[in-house]
């Protein structure tokens, strides 16, 4: 039974299904030095229901301080980042190989073009 559960989890957190999320993030983000580090926050924040709900209610005037003013949402973020770092690396590798993004020497990510069709919908 544990083997079946492992396979379900590997399908749920598949790099091919999650790569379009990172691609979309970099499509609308501003290129800065070392902005690749932001990619390690995207999946842990979007796939965690409490932080996803806070992001859903945010508007253009919201800042990171007002969105995450409730500190309980950020508890366990370090663990979530560690858990998702391997899948984030795989997603970045897929995006580079497909030509969607380019990782520069300054560890900044440049968005090149849309290559992926988002098949995985996160229910918000």
C-alpha atoms as a PDB file:
ATOM      1  CA  UNK A   1       0.000   0.000   0.000  1.00  0.00           C
ATOM      2  CA  UNK A   2       2.844   2.390   0.779  1.00  0.00           C
ATOM      3  CA  UNK A   3       4.202   1.823  -2.710  1.00  0.00           C
ATOM      4  CA  UNK A   4       0.914   2.955  -4.266  1.00  0.00           C
ATOM      5  CA  UNK A   5       0.887   6.072  -2.087  1.00  0.00           C
ATOM      6  CA  UNK A   6       4.433   6.921  -3.203  1.00  0.00           C
ATOM      7  CA  UNK A   7       3.363   6.673  -6.844  1.00  0.00           C
ATOM      8  CA  UNK A   8       0.347   8.915  -6.290  1.00  0.00           C
ATOM      9  CA  UNK A   9       2.568  11.530  -4.641  1.00  0.00           C
ATOM     10  CA  UNK A  10       5.118  11.359  -7.464  1.00  0.00           C
ATOM     11  CA  UNK A  11       2.311  11.950  -9.958  1.00  0.00           C
ATOM     12  CA  UNK A  12       0.877  14.818  -7.933  1.00  0.00           C
ATOM     13  CA  UNK A  13       4.225  16.596  -7.588  1.00  0.00           C
ATOM     14  CA  UNK A  14       5.474  15.912 -11.079  1.00  0.00           C
ATOM     15  CA  UNK A  15       7.977  18.356 -12.575  1.00  0.00           C
ATOM     16  CA  UNK A  16       6.206  18.280 -15.938  1.00  0.00           C
ATOM     17  CA  UNK A  17       2.991  19.373 -14.275  1.00  0.00           C
ATOM     18  CA  UNK A  18       4.514  22.043 -12.017  1.00  0.00           C
ATOM     19  CA  UNK A  19       6.978  23.612 -14.497  1.00  0.00           C
ATOM     20  CA  UNK A  20       4.279  25.805 -16.114  1.00  0.00           C
ATOM     21  CA  UNK A  21       3.696  27.457 -12.740  1.00  0.00           C
ATOM     22  CA  UNK A  22       7.322  28.576 -12.543  1.00  0.00           C
ATOM     23  CA  UNK A  23       7.269  29.566 -16.204  1.00  0.00           C
ATOM     24  CA  UNK A  24       4.249  31.763 -15.595  1.00  0.00           C
ATOM     25  CA  UNK A  25       5.908  33.272 -12.509  1.00  0.00           C
ATOM     26  CA  UNK A  26       8.985  34.315 -14.488  1.00  0.00           C
ATOM     27  CA  UNK A  27       6.861  35.560 -17.367  1.00  0.00           C
ATOM     28  CA  UNK A  28       5.570  38.369 -15.161  1.00  0.00           C
ATOM     29  CA  UNK A  29       8.481  38.897 -12.761  1.00  0.00           C
ATOM     30  CA  UNK A  30      11.159  41.532 -13.101  1.00  0.00           C
ATOM     31  CA  UNK A  31      14.639  40.269 -13.880  1.00  0.00           C
ATOM     32  CA  UNK A  32      17.067  41.041 -11.058  1.00  0.00           C
ATOM     33  CA  UNK A  33      20.328  39.550  -9.844  1.00  0.00           C
ATOM     34  CA  UNK A  34      19.830  36.251  -8.022  1.00  0.00           C
ATOM     35  CA  UNK A  35      16.086  36.177  -8.689  1.00  0.00           C
ATOM     36  CA  UNK A  36      16.407  32.427  -9.176  1.00  0.00           C
ATOM     37  CA  UNK A  37      16.107  32.184  -5.392  1.00  0.00           C
ATOM     38  CA  UNK A  38      12.487  33.339  -5.665  1.00  0.00           C
ATOM     39  CA  UNK A  39      11.619  30.164  -7.535  1.00  0.00           C
ATOM     40  CA  UNK A  40      12.190  28.167  -4.343  1.00  0.00           C
ATOM     41  CA  UNK A  41       9.347  30.111  -2.701  1.00  0.00           C
ATOM     42  CA  UNK A  42       6.773  29.766  -5.473  1.00  0.00           C
ATOM     43  CA  UNK A  43       5.727  26.138  -5.049  1.00  0.00           C
ATOM     44  CA  UNK A  44       5.798  26.057  -1.224  1.00  0.00           C
ATOM     45  CA  UNK A  45       3.606  29.154  -1.071  1.00  0.00           C
ATOM     46  CA  UNK A  46       1.187  28.196  -3.841  1.00  0.00           C
ATOM     47  CA  UNK A  47       0.711  24.575  -2.870  1.00  0.00           C
ATOM     48  CA  UNK A  48       0.130  25.316   0.824  1.00  0.00           C
ATOM     49  CA  UNK A  49      -3.618  26.028   1.234  1.00  0.00           C
ATOM     50  CA  UNK A  50      -3.353  28.791   3.855  1.00  0.00           C
ATOM     51  CA  UNK A  51      -0.825  30.878   1.956  1.00  0.00           C
ATOM     52  CA  UNK A  52      -2.631  30.220  -1.337  1.00  0.00           C
ATOM     53  CA  UNK A  53      -5.831  31.625   0.179  1.00  0.00           C
ATOM     54  CA  UNK A  54      -3.980  34.737   1.354  1.00  0.00           C
ATOM     55  CA  UNK A  55      -2.461  35.246  -2.093  1.00  0.00           C
ATOM     56  CA  UNK A  56      -5.875  34.824  -3.663  1.00  0.00           C
ATOM     57  CA  UNK A  57      -7.310  37.682  -1.608  1.00  0.00           C
ATOM     58  CA  UNK A  58      -4.365  40.004  -2.282  1.00  0.00           C
ATOM     59  CA  UNK A  59      -4.779  42.968  -4.570  1.00  0.00           C
ATOM     60  CA  UNK A  60      -2.443  45.329  -6.398  1.00  0.00           C
ATOM     61  CA  UNK A  61      -1.996  47.499  -3.294  1.00  0.00           C
ATOM     62  CA  UNK A  62      -1.013  44.560  -1.073  1.00  0.00           C
ATOM     63  CA  UNK A  63       2.574  44.198   0.002  1.00  0.00           C
ATOM     64  CA  UNK A  64       4.386  41.121   1.242  1.00  0.00           C
ATOM     65  CA  UNK A  65       3.978  42.491   4.760  1.00  0.00           C
ATOM     66  CA  UNK A  66       0.215  42.835   4.556  1.00  0.00           C
ATOM     67  CA  UNK A  67      -0.292  39.517   2.789  1.00  0.00           C
ATOM     68  CA  UNK A  68       1.665  37.537   5.350  1.00  0.00           C
ATOM     69  CA  UNK A  69       0.930  39.600   8.451  1.00  0.00           C
ATOM     70  CA  UNK A  70      -0.473  36.443  10.051  1.00  0.00           C
ATOM     71  CA  UNK A  71       2.726  34.662  11.088  1.00  0.00           C
ATOM     72  CA  UNK A  72       1.054  31.262  11.391  1.00  0.00           C
ATOM     73  CA  UNK A  73       1.010  31.023   7.599  1.00  0.00           C
ATOM     74  CA  UNK A  74       4.794  31.188   7.500  1.00  0.00           C
ATOM     75  CA  UNK A  75       5.352  28.481  10.119  1.00  0.00           C
ATOM     76  CA  UNK A  76       6.988  25.489   8.490  1.00  0.00           C
ATOM     77  CA  UNK A  77       8.067  27.438   5.418  1.00  0.00           C
ATOM     78  CA  UNK A  78      11.668  26.228   5.824  1.00  0.00           C
ATOM     79  CA  UNK A  79      10.522  22.609   5.748  1.00  0.00           C
ATOM     80  CA  UNK A  80       8.301  23.222   2.742  1.00  0.00           C
ATOM     81  CA  UNK A  81      11.180  24.892   0.887  1.00  0.00           C
ATOM     82  CA  UNK A  82      13.405  21.893   1.633  1.00  0.00           C
ATOM     83  CA  UNK A  83      10.678  19.474   0.522  1.00  0.00           C
ATOM     84  CA  UNK A  84      10.065  21.305  -2.752  1.00  0.00           C
ATOM     85  CA  UNK A  85      13.674  22.203  -3.602  1.00  0.00           C
ATOM     86  CA  UNK A  86      14.298  19.007  -5.583  1.00  0.00           C
ATOM     87  CA  UNK A  87      11.116  19.393  -7.635  1.00  0.00           C
ATOM     88  CA  UNK A  88      11.882  23.093  -8.154  1.00  0.00           C
ATOM     89  CA  UNK A  89      15.317  22.165  -9.514  1.00  0.00           C
ATOM     90  CA  UNK A  90      13.714  19.678 -11.903  1.00  0.00           C
ATOM     91  CA  UNK A  91      11.197  22.282 -13.045  1.00  0.00           C
ATOM     92  CA  UNK A  92      13.951  24.822 -13.691  1.00  0.00           C
ATOM     93  CA  UNK A  93      15.948  22.240 -15.635  1.00  0.00           C
ATOM     94  CA  UNK A  94      12.924  21.410 -17.785  1.00  0.00           C
ATOM     95  CA  UNK A  95      12.256  25.081 -18.480  1.00  0.00           C
ATOM     96  CA  UNK A  96      15.876  25.706 -19.466  1.00  0.00           C
ATOM     97  CA  UNK A  97      15.924  22.649 -21.722  1.00  0.00           C
ATOM     98  CA  UNK A  98      12.687  23.716 -23.409  1.00  0.00           C
ATOM     99  CA  UNK A  99      13.989  27.244 -23.991  1.00  0.00           C
ATOM    100  CA  UNK A 100      11.388  28.959 -21.825  1.00  0.00           C
ATOM    101  CA  UNK A 101      13.888  30.584 -19.482  1.00  0.00           C
ATOM    102  CA  UNK A 102      17.611  31.281 -19.379  1.00  0.00           C
ATOM    103  CA  UNK A 103      19.701  31.305 -16.211  1.00  0.00           C
ATOM    104  CA  UNK A 104      22.395  33.976 -16.450  1.00  0.00           C
ATOM    105  CA  UNK A 105      25.774  34.167 -14.754  1.00  0.00           C
ATOM    106  CA  UNK A 106      24.377  36.569 -12.159  1.00  0.00           C
ATOM    107  CA  UNK A 107      21.866  33.830 -11.178  1.00  0.00           C
ATOM    108  CA  UNK A 108      19.069  35.878 -12.688  1.00  0.00           C
ATOM    109  CA  UNK A 109      16.365  34.217 -14.711  1.00  0.00           C
ATOM    110  CA  UNK A 110      15.416  35.662 -18.080  1.00  0.00           C
ATOM    111  CA  UNK A 111      12.050  34.711 -19.491  1.00  0.00           C
ATOM    112  CA  UNK A 112      12.387  33.854 -23.183  1.00  0.00           C
ATOM    113  CA  UNK A 113       9.083  32.515 -24.498  1.00  0.00           C
ATOM    114  CA  UNK A 114       6.081  30.454 -23.542  1.00  0.00           C
ATOM    115  CA  UNK A 115       6.655  26.794 -24.323  1.00  0.00           C
ATOM    116  CA  UNK A 116       4.370  24.977 -21.928  1.00  0.00           C
ATOM    117  CA  UNK A 117       0.648  24.515 -21.917  1.00  0.00           C
ATOM    118  CA  UNK A 118      -0.550  24.481 -18.354  1.00  0.00           C
ATOM    119  CA  UNK A 119      -2.296  21.150 -17.858  1.00  0.00           C
ATOM    120  CA  UNK A 120      -2.262  21.280 -14.084  1.00  0.00           C
ATOM    121  CA  UNK A 121      -4.771  23.605 -12.495  1.00  0.00           C
ATOM    122  CA  UNK A 122      -4.457  24.556  -8.867  1.00  0.00           C
ATOM    123  CA  UNK A 123      -7.912  25.009  -7.505  1.00  0.00           C
ATOM    124  CA  UNK A 124      -7.966  28.364  -5.749  1.00  0.00           C
END
